[in-house]
N, C-alpha and C. Protein backbone atom coordinates (compact mmCIF):
# COMPACT_ATOMS: atom_id res chain seq x y z
N UNK A 1 -1.30 4.57 14.20
CA UNK A 1 -0.35 5.28 13.39
C UNK A 1 1.07 4.71 13.60
N UNK A 2 1.40 4.39 14.86
CA UNK A 2 2.71 3.82 15.16
C UNK A 2 2.90 2.51 14.38
N UNK A 3 1.91 1.65 14.44
CA UNK A 3 2.01 0.35 13.79
C UNK A 3 2.26 0.51 12.30
N UNK A 4 1.52 1.40 11.65
CA UNK A 4 1.68 1.59 10.21
C UNK A 4 3.05 2.14 9.87
N UNK A 5 3.55 3.10 10.64
CA UNK A 5 4.87 3.68 10.38
C UNK A 5 5.96 2.65 10.58
N UNK A 6 5.87 1.88 11.65
CA UNK A 6 6.89 0.87 11.90
C UNK A 6 6.84 -0.24 10.86
N UNK A 7 5.64 -0.64 10.46
CA UNK A 7 5.52 -1.67 9.43
C UNK A 7 6.16 -1.20 8.13
N UNK A 8 5.87 0.04 7.73
CA UNK A 8 6.45 0.57 6.49
C UNK A 8 7.97 0.62 6.59
N UNK A 9 8.49 1.10 7.72
CA UNK A 9 9.95 1.17 7.90
C UNK A 9 10.56 -0.23 7.96
N UNK A 10 9.87 -1.16 8.59
CA UNK A 10 10.38 -2.53 8.69
C UNK A 10 10.47 -3.20 7.33
N UNK A 11 9.45 -3.01 6.52
CA UNK A 11 9.47 -3.57 5.17
C UNK A 11 10.65 -3.01 4.38
N UNK A 12 10.92 -1.72 4.55
CA UNK A 12 12.03 -1.08 3.85
C UNK A 12 13.39 -1.61 4.29
N UNK A 13 13.49 -2.14 5.52
CA UNK A 13 14.78 -2.64 5.99
C UNK A 13 15.21 -3.88 5.22
N UNK A 14 14.24 -4.64 4.70
CA UNK A 14 14.52 -5.90 4.01
C UNK A 14 15.31 -6.85 4.91
N UNK A 15 15.12 -6.72 6.21
CA UNK A 15 15.86 -7.53 7.18
C UNK A 15 15.14 -8.84 7.49
N UNK A 16 13.86 -8.92 7.14
CA UNK A 16 13.10 -10.11 7.48
C UNK A 16 11.88 -10.21 6.58
N UNK A 17 11.32 -11.40 6.52
CA UNK A 17 10.05 -11.58 5.83
C UNK A 17 8.95 -11.14 6.79
N UNK A 18 7.99 -10.41 6.27
CA UNK A 18 6.95 -9.82 7.10
C UNK A 18 5.61 -10.48 6.77
N UNK A 19 4.88 -10.87 7.82
CA UNK A 19 3.53 -11.39 7.66
C UNK A 19 2.58 -10.20 7.60
N UNK A 20 1.61 -10.26 6.69
CA UNK A 20 0.66 -9.16 6.53
C UNK A 20 -0.04 -8.86 7.85
N UNK A 21 -0.18 -7.57 8.15
CA UNK A 21 -0.77 -7.12 9.40
C UNK A 21 -2.20 -7.65 9.58
N UNK A 22 -2.96 -7.74 8.50
CA UNK A 22 -4.32 -8.28 8.58
C UNK A 22 -4.32 -9.73 9.03
N UNK A 23 -3.37 -10.50 8.52
CA UNK A 23 -3.25 -11.91 8.92
C UNK A 23 -2.86 -12.02 10.39
N UNK A 24 -1.98 -11.14 10.84
CA UNK A 24 -1.59 -11.14 12.26
C UNK A 24 -2.79 -10.82 13.13
N UNK A 25 -3.55 -9.79 12.77
CA UNK A 25 -4.72 -9.40 13.56
C UNK A 25 -5.77 -10.51 13.58
N UNK A 26 -5.99 -11.16 12.44
CA UNK A 26 -6.95 -12.27 12.39
C UNK A 26 -6.51 -13.41 13.29
N UNK A 27 -5.22 -13.72 13.26
CA UNK A 27 -4.68 -14.79 14.10
C UNK A 27 -4.81 -14.43 15.58
N UNK A 28 -4.50 -13.20 15.94
CA UNK A 28 -4.62 -12.77 17.33
C UNK A 28 -6.08 -12.88 17.80
N UNK A 29 -7.01 -12.48 16.94
CA UNK A 29 -8.43 -12.61 17.28
C UNK A 29 -8.82 -14.06 17.47
N UNK A 30 -8.42 -14.92 16.52
CA UNK A 30 -8.77 -16.34 16.59
C UNK A 30 -8.20 -16.99 17.84
N UNK A 31 -7.01 -16.57 18.25
CA UNK A 31 -6.38 -17.13 19.45
C UNK A 31 -6.84 -16.42 20.73
N UNK A 32 -7.70 -15.41 20.55
CA UNK A 32 -8.21 -14.61 21.68
C UNK A 32 -7.07 -13.97 22.49
N UNK A 33 -6.11 -13.43 21.75
CA UNK A 33 -4.98 -12.74 22.36
C UNK A 33 -5.18 -11.26 22.15
N UNK A 34 -5.19 -10.54 23.23
CA UNK A 34 -5.33 -9.08 23.17
C UNK A 34 -3.96 -8.49 22.88
N UNK A 35 -3.91 -7.52 21.98
CA UNK A 35 -2.63 -6.90 21.61
C UNK A 35 -2.04 -6.19 22.82
N UNK A 36 -0.91 -6.69 23.29
CA UNK A 36 -0.19 -6.06 24.39
C UNK A 36 1.28 -6.03 24.03
N UNK A 37 2.03 -5.28 24.78
CA UNK A 37 3.47 -5.22 24.55
C UNK A 37 4.22 -6.37 25.18
N UNK A 38 3.50 -7.24 25.92
CA UNK A 38 4.17 -8.32 26.63
C UNK A 38 3.36 -9.61 26.60
N UNK A 39 3.30 -10.27 25.44
CA UNK A 39 2.59 -11.55 25.39
C UNK A 39 3.34 -12.63 26.18
N UNK A 40 2.58 -13.58 26.72
CA UNK A 40 3.19 -14.68 27.48
C UNK A 40 3.92 -15.63 26.53
N UNK A 41 4.74 -16.51 27.10
CA UNK A 41 5.45 -17.50 26.30
C UNK A 41 4.46 -18.38 25.54
N UNK A 42 3.38 -18.79 26.21
CA UNK A 42 2.36 -19.63 25.57
C UNK A 42 1.70 -18.90 24.40
N UNK A 43 1.41 -17.61 24.60
CA UNK A 43 0.83 -16.82 23.52
C UNK A 43 1.79 -16.68 22.36
N UNK A 44 3.06 -16.45 22.65
CA UNK A 44 4.07 -16.34 21.59
C UNK A 44 4.15 -17.64 20.79
N UNK A 45 4.17 -18.76 21.49
CA UNK A 45 4.23 -20.06 20.80
C UNK A 45 3.01 -20.27 19.91
N UNK A 46 1.83 -19.92 20.42
CA UNK A 46 0.60 -20.08 19.64
C UNK A 46 0.63 -19.18 18.40
N UNK A 47 1.08 -17.96 18.56
CA UNK A 47 1.19 -17.04 17.42
C UNK A 47 2.18 -17.60 16.40
N UNK A 48 3.35 -18.05 16.87
CA UNK A 48 4.37 -18.61 15.98
C UNK A 48 3.87 -19.80 15.20
N UNK A 49 3.17 -20.70 15.89
CA UNK A 49 2.63 -21.89 15.21
C UNK A 49 1.56 -21.52 14.20
N UNK A 50 0.65 -20.63 14.58
CA UNK A 50 -0.43 -20.23 13.68
C UNK A 50 0.06 -19.52 12.44
N UNK A 51 1.05 -18.64 12.61
CA UNK A 51 1.56 -17.87 11.48
C UNK A 51 2.76 -18.53 10.80
N UNK A 52 3.23 -19.63 11.38
CA UNK A 52 4.40 -20.34 10.87
C UNK A 52 5.61 -19.41 10.78
N UNK A 53 5.90 -18.75 11.92
CA UNK A 53 7.04 -17.85 12.00
C UNK A 53 7.91 -18.24 13.19
N UNK A 54 9.17 -17.90 13.09
CA UNK A 54 10.11 -18.18 14.17
C UNK A 54 10.22 -17.01 15.15
N UNK A 55 10.02 -15.79 14.65
CA UNK A 55 10.17 -14.60 15.48
C UNK A 55 8.91 -13.74 15.42
N UNK A 56 8.67 -13.02 16.52
CA UNK A 56 7.57 -12.07 16.59
C UNK A 56 8.15 -10.75 17.09
N UNK A 57 7.77 -9.67 16.43
CA UNK A 57 8.19 -8.34 16.85
C UNK A 57 7.06 -7.75 17.70
N UNK A 58 7.37 -7.45 18.96
CA UNK A 58 6.37 -6.86 19.85
C UNK A 58 6.88 -5.51 20.33
N UNK A 59 5.97 -4.66 20.69
CA UNK A 59 6.41 -3.35 21.15
C UNK A 59 5.34 -2.59 21.88
N UNK A 60 5.74 -1.43 22.37
CA UNK A 60 4.84 -0.56 23.11
C UNK A 60 5.11 0.89 22.75
N UNK A 61 4.07 1.68 22.76
CA UNK A 61 4.22 3.11 22.61
C UNK A 61 4.62 3.65 23.98
N UNK A 62 5.73 4.35 24.03
CA UNK A 62 6.21 4.93 25.29
C UNK A 62 5.71 6.35 25.48
N UNK A 63 5.59 7.05 24.38
CA UNK A 63 5.21 8.46 24.46
C UNK A 63 4.57 8.88 23.14
N UNK A 64 3.52 9.66 23.24
CA UNK A 64 2.87 10.23 22.06
C UNK A 64 2.16 11.50 22.52
N UNK A 65 2.77 12.62 22.24
CA UNK A 65 2.16 13.86 22.70
C UNK A 65 2.89 15.06 22.15
N UNK A 66 2.74 16.17 22.87
CA UNK A 66 3.41 17.40 22.46
C UNK A 66 4.13 18.00 23.66
N UNK A 67 5.14 18.78 23.33
CA UNK A 67 5.90 19.51 24.33
C UNK A 67 5.74 20.99 24.02
N UNK A 68 5.41 21.76 25.03
CA UNK A 68 5.23 23.20 24.85
C UNK A 68 6.61 23.86 24.93
N UNK A 69 6.97 24.65 23.92
CA UNK A 69 8.24 25.38 23.90
C UNK A 69 7.96 26.88 23.72
N UNK A 70 8.98 27.68 23.85
CA UNK A 70 8.84 29.13 23.67
C UNK A 70 8.37 29.47 22.26
N UNK A 71 8.65 28.55 21.31
CA UNK A 71 8.37 28.78 19.89
C UNK A 71 7.14 28.01 19.42
N UNK A 72 6.35 27.50 20.36
CA UNK A 72 5.16 26.74 19.99
C UNK A 72 5.30 25.27 20.37
N UNK A 73 4.24 24.51 20.19
CA UNK A 73 4.23 23.09 20.53
C UNK A 73 5.00 22.28 19.49
N UNK A 74 5.71 21.26 19.99
CA UNK A 74 6.40 20.32 19.10
C UNK A 74 6.01 18.90 19.51
N UNK A 75 6.00 17.97 18.56
CA UNK A 75 5.61 16.60 18.89
C UNK A 75 6.71 15.86 19.64
N UNK A 76 6.29 14.85 20.37
CA UNK A 76 7.21 13.96 21.07
C UNK A 76 6.66 12.54 20.93
N UNK A 77 7.49 11.64 20.43
CA UNK A 77 7.05 10.25 20.22
C UNK A 77 8.13 9.30 20.71
N UNK A 78 7.70 8.13 21.18
CA UNK A 78 8.66 7.14 21.63
C UNK A 78 8.05 5.75 21.61
N UNK A 79 8.89 4.75 21.47
CA UNK A 79 8.41 3.37 21.43
C UNK A 79 9.52 2.43 21.85
N UNK A 80 9.13 1.22 22.20
CA UNK A 80 10.10 0.16 22.46
C UNK A 80 9.70 -1.03 21.60
N UNK A 81 10.69 -1.74 21.10
CA UNK A 81 10.48 -2.93 20.27
C UNK A 81 11.34 -4.07 20.76
N UNK A 82 10.83 -5.28 20.63
CA UNK A 82 11.60 -6.48 20.95
C UNK A 82 11.31 -7.54 19.90
N UNK A 83 12.35 -8.19 19.40
CA UNK A 83 12.20 -9.32 18.52
C UNK A 83 12.38 -10.57 19.38
N UNK A 84 11.35 -11.40 19.43
CA UNK A 84 11.33 -12.53 20.34
C UNK A 84 11.29 -13.84 19.56
N UNK A 85 12.15 -14.78 19.93
CA UNK A 85 12.14 -16.14 19.39
C UNK A 85 10.94 -16.83 20.03
N UNK A 86 9.95 -17.25 19.22
CA UNK A 86 8.71 -17.79 19.78
C UNK A 86 8.90 -19.13 20.49
N UNK A 87 9.88 -19.92 20.07
CA UNK A 87 10.10 -21.23 20.70
C UNK A 87 10.65 -21.09 22.12
N UNK A 88 11.56 -20.17 22.31
CA UNK A 88 12.23 -20.05 23.61
C UNK A 88 11.78 -18.83 24.42
N UNK A 89 11.06 -17.92 23.80
CA UNK A 89 10.66 -16.64 24.40
C UNK A 89 11.88 -15.77 24.70
N UNK A 90 13.01 -16.08 24.06
CA UNK A 90 14.24 -15.31 24.25
C UNK A 90 14.20 -14.07 23.37
N UNK A 91 14.57 -12.93 23.94
CA UNK A 91 14.65 -11.69 23.18
C UNK A 91 15.97 -11.70 22.42
N UNK A 92 15.89 -11.60 21.10
CA UNK A 92 17.11 -11.64 20.29
C UNK A 92 17.54 -10.26 19.81
N UNK A 93 16.65 -9.28 19.95
CA UNK A 93 16.98 -7.90 19.59
C UNK A 93 15.99 -6.99 20.29
N UNK A 94 16.45 -5.84 20.74
CA UNK A 94 15.54 -4.89 21.40
C UNK A 94 16.04 -3.47 21.18
N UNK A 95 15.11 -2.55 21.21
CA UNK A 95 15.46 -1.13 21.04
C UNK A 95 14.34 -0.29 21.62
N UNK A 96 14.70 0.76 22.32
CA UNK A 96 13.74 1.77 22.80
C UNK A 96 14.30 3.13 22.42
N UNK A 97 13.41 4.03 22.02
CA UNK A 97 13.87 5.32 21.53
C UNK A 97 12.75 6.35 21.65
N UNK A 98 13.12 7.57 21.99
CA UNK A 98 12.18 8.68 22.07
C UNK A 98 12.76 9.84 21.26
N UNK A 99 11.91 10.49 20.49
CA UNK A 99 12.31 11.68 19.72
C UNK A 99 11.35 12.82 20.01
N UNK A 100 11.90 14.02 20.02
CA UNK A 100 11.06 15.21 20.08
C UNK A 100 11.34 16.04 18.83
N UNK A 101 10.43 16.94 18.55
CA UNK A 101 10.56 17.75 17.34
C UNK A 101 11.79 18.62 17.29
N UNK A 102 12.42 18.88 18.44
CA UNK A 102 13.61 19.72 18.40
C UNK A 102 14.92 18.94 18.53
N UNK A 103 14.86 17.62 18.48
CA UNK A 103 16.08 16.80 18.59
C UNK A 103 17.09 17.07 17.48
N UNK A 104 16.59 17.42 16.30
CA UNK A 104 17.50 17.64 15.17
C UNK A 104 17.60 19.11 14.79
N UNK A 105 17.14 19.95 15.70
CA UNK A 105 17.23 21.39 15.47
C UNK A 105 18.68 21.82 15.59
N UNK A 106 19.14 22.62 14.66
CA UNK A 106 20.52 23.08 14.68
C UNK A 106 20.61 24.49 15.25
N UNK A 107 20.02 25.45 14.58
CA UNK A 107 20.07 26.83 15.03
C UNK A 107 18.86 27.57 14.47
N UNK A 108 18.30 28.47 15.27
CA UNK A 108 17.17 29.29 14.85
C UNK A 108 15.99 28.48 14.31
N UNK A 109 15.78 27.28 14.85
CA UNK A 109 14.65 26.46 14.44
C UNK A 109 14.88 25.59 13.23
N UNK A 110 16.04 25.69 12.60
CA UNK A 110 16.32 24.85 11.43
C UNK A 110 16.42 23.40 11.89
N UNK A 111 15.75 22.54 11.18
CA UNK A 111 15.76 21.12 11.53
C UNK A 111 14.66 20.74 12.51
N UNK A 112 13.95 21.71 13.02
CA UNK A 112 12.86 21.43 13.96
C UNK A 112 11.72 20.77 13.20
N UNK A 113 11.14 19.75 13.81
CA UNK A 113 10.02 19.02 13.18
C UNK A 113 8.74 19.32 13.93
N UNK A 114 7.74 19.81 13.22
CA UNK A 114 6.46 20.14 13.85
C UNK A 114 5.38 19.12 13.52
N UNK A 115 5.65 18.23 12.58
CA UNK A 115 4.68 17.21 12.18
C UNK A 115 4.91 15.92 12.96
N UNK A 116 3.88 15.49 13.70
CA UNK A 116 3.99 14.24 14.45
C UNK A 116 4.17 13.06 13.51
N UNK A 117 3.54 13.09 12.35
CA UNK A 117 3.65 11.99 11.39
C UNK A 117 5.09 11.86 10.87
N UNK A 118 5.69 12.98 10.51
CA UNK A 118 7.08 12.93 10.01
C UNK A 118 8.04 12.52 11.13
N UNK A 119 7.79 13.01 12.34
CA UNK A 119 8.65 12.63 13.47
C UNK A 119 8.51 11.14 13.76
N UNK A 120 7.31 10.62 13.64
CA UNK A 120 7.07 9.19 13.84
C UNK A 120 7.82 8.36 12.80
N UNK A 121 7.83 8.81 11.56
CA UNK A 121 8.58 8.13 10.51
C UNK A 121 10.07 8.13 10.83
N UNK A 122 10.59 9.26 11.32
CA UNK A 122 12.00 9.34 11.71
C UNK A 122 12.29 8.39 12.87
N UNK A 123 11.37 8.31 13.83
CA UNK A 123 11.53 7.40 14.96
C UNK A 123 11.63 5.96 14.48
N UNK A 124 10.73 5.57 13.59
CA UNK A 124 10.75 4.21 13.07
C UNK A 124 12.05 3.93 12.33
N UNK A 125 12.49 4.85 11.50
CA UNK A 125 13.75 4.67 10.76
C UNK A 125 14.93 4.57 11.71
N UNK A 126 14.98 5.44 12.73
CA UNK A 126 16.07 5.40 13.70
C UNK A 126 16.10 4.08 14.47
N UNK A 127 14.93 3.61 14.86
CA UNK A 127 14.87 2.38 15.65
C UNK A 127 15.22 1.15 14.82
N UNK A 128 14.81 1.17 13.57
CA UNK A 128 14.99 -0.03 12.75
C UNK A 128 16.31 -0.07 11.99
N UNK A 129 17.06 1.01 12.00
CA UNK A 129 18.39 0.99 11.37
C UNK A 129 19.26 -0.10 12.00
N UNK A 130 19.37 -0.18 13.34
CA UNK A 130 20.16 -1.26 13.93
C UNK A 130 19.56 -2.64 13.68
N UNK A 131 18.23 -2.71 13.51
CA UNK A 131 17.59 -3.98 13.18
C UNK A 131 18.06 -4.48 11.82
N UNK A 132 18.09 -3.56 10.85
CA UNK A 132 18.56 -3.91 9.50
C UNK A 132 20.02 -4.33 9.55
N UNK A 133 20.84 -3.60 10.31
CA UNK A 133 22.26 -3.94 10.44
C UNK A 133 22.44 -5.30 11.10
N UNK A 134 21.65 -5.60 12.12
CA UNK A 134 21.72 -6.91 12.77
C UNK A 134 21.29 -8.01 11.80
N UNK A 135 20.25 -7.76 11.00
CA UNK A 135 19.81 -8.74 10.01
C UNK A 135 20.87 -9.00 8.96
N UNK A 136 21.53 -7.94 8.50
CA UNK A 136 22.61 -8.10 7.51
C UNK A 136 23.77 -8.89 8.09
N UNK A 137 24.13 -8.60 9.34
CA UNK A 137 25.23 -9.33 9.99
C UNK A 137 24.86 -10.80 10.16
N UNK A 138 23.61 -11.07 10.52
CA UNK A 138 23.16 -12.46 10.68
C UNK A 138 23.23 -13.21 9.34
N UNK A 139 22.79 -12.55 8.26
CA UNK A 139 22.85 -13.19 6.93
C UNK A 139 24.29 -13.49 6.53
N UNK A 140 25.22 -12.57 6.81
CA UNK A 140 26.64 -12.80 6.49
C UNK A 140 27.19 -13.97 7.28
N UNK A 141 26.86 -14.04 8.58
CA UNK A 141 27.33 -15.17 9.39
C UNK A 141 26.77 -16.47 8.87
N UNK A 142 25.49 -16.47 8.51
CA UNK A 142 24.85 -17.70 8.01
C UNK A 142 25.50 -18.12 6.69
N UNK A 143 25.78 -17.16 5.80
CA UNK A 143 26.42 -17.49 4.53
C UNK A 143 27.83 -18.01 4.74
N UNK A 144 28.55 -17.42 5.69
CA UNK A 144 29.91 -17.86 6.00
C UNK A 144 29.90 -19.27 6.56
N UNK A 145 28.93 -19.56 7.41
CA UNK A 145 28.82 -20.91 7.99
C UNK A 145 28.50 -21.94 6.93
N UNK A 146 27.66 -21.59 5.96
CA UNK A 146 27.33 -22.51 4.86
C UNK A 146 28.56 -22.75 4.01
N UNK A 147 29.31 -21.68 3.69
CA UNK A 147 30.52 -21.82 2.88
C UNK A 147 31.58 -22.63 3.58
N UNK A 148 31.65 -22.53 4.90
CA UNK A 148 32.69 -23.24 5.67
C UNK A 148 32.43 -24.74 5.69
N UNK A 149 31.21 -25.15 5.48
CA UNK A 149 30.88 -26.58 5.47
C UNK A 149 31.32 -27.16 4.18
């Protein structure tokens, strides 16, 4: 569920070209790489070469559960993401974030989220907002550098 929510939010950012998840999974299988949050430099290079990509987004689920409150159970979700340059294994962007269903509660339960799916979507949007902003800033710098030549 995390992967699908993040993929949908990532596509909406329009910050990068995205390789289809099926193609990624097929490549990982062919390379005999088990999905982990911390692939080795050699694995990253192999993935990059096979998919013909410069960057790979890797991540881990930090939390997925519920918290018991006086007003009933609320969901709690968290993840970490890293954008890694496959040639150098250098992390060029990273974000970790955790949300609970009462993070946006204002008063008397207003704003409280009881759906894990909706909270997960909010988590993905919150995490990827800075990714989109970083992508936009990178595009502006690249355009400025081209114009300066």
